Amino acid sequence: MFMGYYPRLRDLREDKDLSIRKLAELLHMQRTTYHNYETGKRELPFELAVTLAKFYNVSLDYIGGLTNDTTPPHKK
């Protein structure tokens, strides 16, 4: 099973000056759970990926590393 690493999640979080603890609180989850998503130790659920894309106002393709364009599709 592929366990993805989402390096952009960390970059996006840090760009908003959020700690893992604060973001986990906002997402109503444990800090270690979110950390495991960010480091690829746990697979990022699609629903959470959508939530994060909306929160950061970026596309899912950007989070997944498929594009360098952060613009969400509905903003194009």
N, C-alpha and C. Protein backbone atom coordinates (compact mmCIF):
# COMPACT_ATOMS: atom_id res chain seq x y z
N MET A 1 0.85 -1.19 0.00
CA MET A 1 0.00 0.00 0.00
C MET A 1 0.88 1.24 0.00
N PHE A 2 0.59 2.16 -0.86
CA PHE A 2 1.35 3.40 -0.97
C PHE A 2 0.95 4.37 0.12
N MET A 3 1.95 4.81 0.84
CA MET A 3 1.69 5.83 1.87
C MET A 3 2.31 7.13 1.36
N GLY A 4 1.48 8.01 0.90
CA GLY A 4 1.96 9.24 0.30
C GLY A 4 2.59 10.20 1.28
N TYR A 5 3.52 10.95 0.78
CA TYR A 5 4.09 12.04 1.57
C TYR A 5 3.64 13.33 0.90
N TYR A 6 3.07 14.21 1.65
CA TYR A 6 2.52 15.44 1.11
C TYR A 6 3.35 16.62 1.61
N PRO A 7 4.52 16.86 0.99
CA PRO A 7 5.39 17.94 1.47
C PRO A 7 4.72 19.31 1.42
N ARG A 8 3.77 19.46 0.53
CA ARG A 8 3.12 20.76 0.42
C ARG A 8 2.23 21.06 1.61
N LEU A 9 1.75 20.03 2.28
CA LEU A 9 0.93 20.26 3.47
C LEU A 9 1.72 21.03 4.52
N ARG A 10 2.96 20.65 4.71
CA ARG A 10 3.81 21.35 5.67
C ARG A 10 4.06 22.79 5.20
N ASP A 11 4.39 22.95 3.92
CA ASP A 11 4.64 24.28 3.40
C ASP A 11 3.42 25.19 3.55
N LEU A 12 2.25 24.67 3.22
CA LEU A 12 1.03 25.47 3.33
C LEU A 12 0.75 25.83 4.78
N ARG A 13 0.93 24.87 5.67
CA ARG A 13 0.71 25.13 7.10
C ARG A 13 1.66 26.20 7.61
N GLU A 14 2.93 26.07 7.25
CA GLU A 14 3.92 27.04 7.71
C GLU A 14 3.69 28.42 7.09
N ASP A 15 3.21 28.47 5.85
CA ASP A 15 2.90 29.75 5.21
C ASP A 15 1.81 30.50 5.97
N LYS A 16 0.93 29.76 6.64
CA LYS A 16 -0.12 30.38 7.46
C LYS A 16 0.31 30.55 8.91
N ASP A 17 1.58 30.29 9.19
CA ASP A 17 2.13 30.39 10.54
C ASP A 17 1.34 29.57 11.55
N LEU A 18 0.99 28.35 11.16
CA LEU A 18 0.26 27.45 12.05
C LEU A 18 1.17 26.34 12.52
N SER A 19 1.08 26.01 13.78
CA SER A 19 1.77 24.83 14.30
C SER A 19 0.92 23.61 13.97
N ILE A 20 1.54 22.45 14.04
CA ILE A 20 0.78 21.22 13.85
C ILE A 20 -0.32 21.13 14.90
N ARG A 21 0.01 21.51 16.13
CA ARG A 21 -0.97 21.47 17.22
C ARG A 21 -2.19 22.35 16.91
N LYS A 22 -1.95 23.57 16.46
CA LYS A 22 -3.06 24.49 16.18
C LYS A 22 -3.92 23.99 15.03
N LEU A 23 -3.27 23.52 13.95
CA LEU A 23 -4.04 23.02 12.82
C LEU A 23 -4.84 21.79 13.22
N ALA A 24 -4.24 20.91 13.98
CA ALA A 24 -4.96 19.72 14.45
C ALA A 24 -6.18 20.12 15.27
N GLU A 25 -6.03 21.14 16.11
CA GLU A 25 -7.18 21.63 16.88
C GLU A 25 -8.28 22.14 15.95
N LEU A 26 -7.90 22.90 14.93
CA LEU A 26 -8.88 23.42 13.99
C LEU A 26 -9.61 22.30 13.24
N LEU A 27 -8.88 21.20 13.00
CA LEU A 27 -9.45 20.07 12.28
C LEU A 27 -10.11 19.05 13.21
N HIS A 28 -10.08 19.33 14.52
CA HIS A 28 -10.68 18.45 15.53
C HIS A 28 -10.08 17.04 15.47
N MET A 29 -8.76 16.99 15.51
CA MET A 29 -8.06 15.70 15.53
C MET A 29 -6.83 15.80 16.40
N GLN A 30 -6.26 14.67 16.71
CA GLN A 30 -5.05 14.62 17.51
C GLN A 30 -3.86 15.17 16.71
N ARG A 31 -2.93 15.79 17.41
CA ARG A 31 -1.74 16.34 16.77
C ARG A 31 -0.95 15.25 16.05
N THR A 32 -0.80 14.11 16.70
CA THR A 32 -0.02 13.03 16.09
C THR A 32 -0.69 12.48 14.83
N THR A 33 -2.00 12.47 14.81
CA THR A 33 -2.72 12.02 13.63
C THR A 33 -2.42 12.92 12.45
N TYR A 34 -2.53 14.24 12.67
CA TYR A 34 -2.23 15.16 11.56
C TYR A 34 -0.76 15.06 11.16
N HIS A 35 0.12 14.97 12.13
CA HIS A 35 1.55 14.84 11.83
C HIS A 35 1.80 13.61 10.95
N ASN A 36 1.12 12.52 11.24
CA ASN A 36 1.28 11.31 10.44
C ASN A 36 0.79 11.50 9.00
N TYR A 37 -0.23 12.31 8.79
CA TYR A 37 -0.66 12.62 7.42
C TYR A 37 0.41 13.44 6.72
N GLU A 38 0.90 14.44 7.41
CA GLU A 38 1.87 15.37 6.82
C GLU A 38 3.18 14.67 6.47
N THR A 39 3.56 13.68 7.23
CA THR A 39 4.83 12.98 6.98
C THR A 39 4.65 11.71 6.15
N GLY A 40 3.42 11.36 5.83
CA GLY A 40 3.18 10.18 5.01
C GLY A 40 3.11 8.87 5.77
N LYS A 41 3.06 8.93 7.08
CA LYS A 41 2.94 7.71 7.87
C LYS A 41 1.51 7.15 7.83
N ARG A 42 0.56 8.02 7.51
CA ARG A 42 -0.84 7.61 7.32
C ARG A 42 -1.31 8.21 6.02
N GLU A 43 -2.14 7.46 5.32
CA GLU A 43 -2.70 7.93 4.06
C GLU A 43 -3.70 9.06 4.35
N LEU A 44 -3.59 10.14 3.61
CA LEU A 44 -4.48 11.28 3.78
C LEU A 44 -5.86 10.94 3.22
N PRO A 45 -6.90 10.95 4.04
CA PRO A 45 -8.24 10.67 3.53
C PRO A 45 -8.67 11.75 2.54
N PHE A 46 -9.41 11.34 1.52
CA PHE A 46 -9.84 12.27 0.49
C PHE A 46 -10.63 13.43 1.09
N GLU A 47 -11.50 13.14 2.03
CA GLU A 47 -12.33 14.19 2.63
C GLU A 47 -11.46 15.24 3.33
N LEU A 48 -10.39 14.78 3.97
CA LEU A 48 -9.49 15.72 4.63
C LEU A 48 -8.70 16.51 3.60
N ALA A 49 -8.30 15.87 2.51
CA ALA A 49 -7.60 16.58 1.44
C ALA A 49 -8.48 17.71 0.89
N VAL A 50 -9.75 17.43 0.71
CA VAL A 50 -10.69 18.45 0.22
C VAL A 50 -10.81 19.58 1.25
N THR A 51 -10.94 19.23 2.51
CA THR A 51 -11.04 20.24 3.57
C THR A 51 -9.80 21.13 3.58
N LEU A 52 -8.63 20.53 3.47
CA LEU A 52 -7.38 21.31 3.48
C LEU A 52 -7.25 22.17 2.23
N ALA A 53 -7.67 21.65 1.09
CA ALA A 53 -7.62 22.44 -0.15
C ALA A 53 -8.51 23.68 -0.01
N LYS A 54 -9.68 23.52 0.56
CA LYS A 54 -10.57 24.65 0.79
C LYS A 54 -9.98 25.61 1.82
N PHE A 55 -9.44 25.07 2.89
CA PHE A 55 -8.86 25.89 3.95
C PHE A 55 -7.71 26.75 3.42
N TYR A 56 -6.84 26.13 2.61
CA TYR A 56 -5.68 26.85 2.08
C TYR A 56 -5.98 27.56 0.76
N ASN A 57 -7.17 27.34 0.20
CA ASN A 57 -7.58 27.93 -1.07
C ASN A 57 -6.62 27.54 -2.20
N VAL A 58 -6.36 26.24 -2.29
CA VAL A 58 -5.52 25.68 -3.34
C VAL A 58 -6.25 24.48 -3.94
N SER A 59 -5.72 23.97 -5.05
CA SER A 59 -6.33 22.81 -5.70
C SER A 59 -5.85 21.51 -5.06
N LEU A 60 -6.64 20.48 -5.22
CA LEU A 60 -6.22 19.14 -4.77
C LEU A 60 -4.99 18.69 -5.55
N ASP A 61 -4.91 19.05 -6.82
CA ASP A 61 -3.74 18.71 -7.63
C ASP A 61 -2.48 19.33 -7.04
N TYR A 62 -2.60 20.53 -6.51
CA TYR A 62 -1.43 21.17 -5.90
C TYR A 62 -1.01 20.41 -4.64
N ILE A 63 -1.95 20.08 -3.80
CA ILE A 63 -1.64 19.33 -2.58
C ILE A 63 -0.99 18.00 -2.93
N GLY A 64 -1.49 17.35 -3.97
CA GLY A 64 -0.96 16.05 -4.37
C GLY A 64 0.33 16.11 -5.17
N GLY A 65 0.80 17.33 -5.47
CA GLY A 65 2.05 17.47 -6.20
C GLY A 65 1.92 17.26 -7.70
N LEU A 66 0.70 17.33 -8.23
CA LEU A 66 0.50 17.12 -9.66
C LEU A 66 0.67 18.39 -10.48
N THR A 67 0.66 19.52 -9.80
CA THR A 67 0.83 20.81 -10.48
C THR A 67 1.50 21.78 -9.52
N ASN A 68 2.09 22.80 -10.10
CA ASN A 68 2.66 23.88 -9.28
C ASN A 68 1.70 25.07 -9.21
N ASP A 69 0.58 24.96 -9.90
CA ASP A 69 -0.43 26.01 -9.92
C ASP A 69 -1.34 25.84 -8.70
N THR A 70 -1.32 26.83 -7.82
CA THR A 70 -2.13 26.73 -6.60
C THR A 70 -3.60 27.09 -6.81
N THR A 71 -3.92 27.69 -7.96
CA THR A 71 -5.27 28.19 -8.19
C THR A 71 -6.29 27.05 -8.21
N PRO A 72 -7.29 27.12 -7.34
CA PRO A 72 -8.35 26.10 -7.37
C PRO A 72 -9.11 26.17 -8.69
N PRO A 73 -9.62 25.05 -9.19
CA PRO A 73 -10.32 25.03 -10.49
C PRO A 73 -11.45 26.04 -10.60
N HIS A 74 -12.20 26.25 -9.52
CA HIS A 74 -13.33 27.18 -9.57
C HIS A 74 -12.90 28.64 -9.66
N LYS A 75 -11.60 28.91 -9.46
CA LYS A 75 -11.10 30.29 -9.51
C LYS A 75 -10.50 30.63 -10.87
N LYS A 76 -10.37 29.64 -11.77
CA LYS A 76 -9.74 29.86 -13.07
C LYS A 76 -10.68 30.49 -14.03
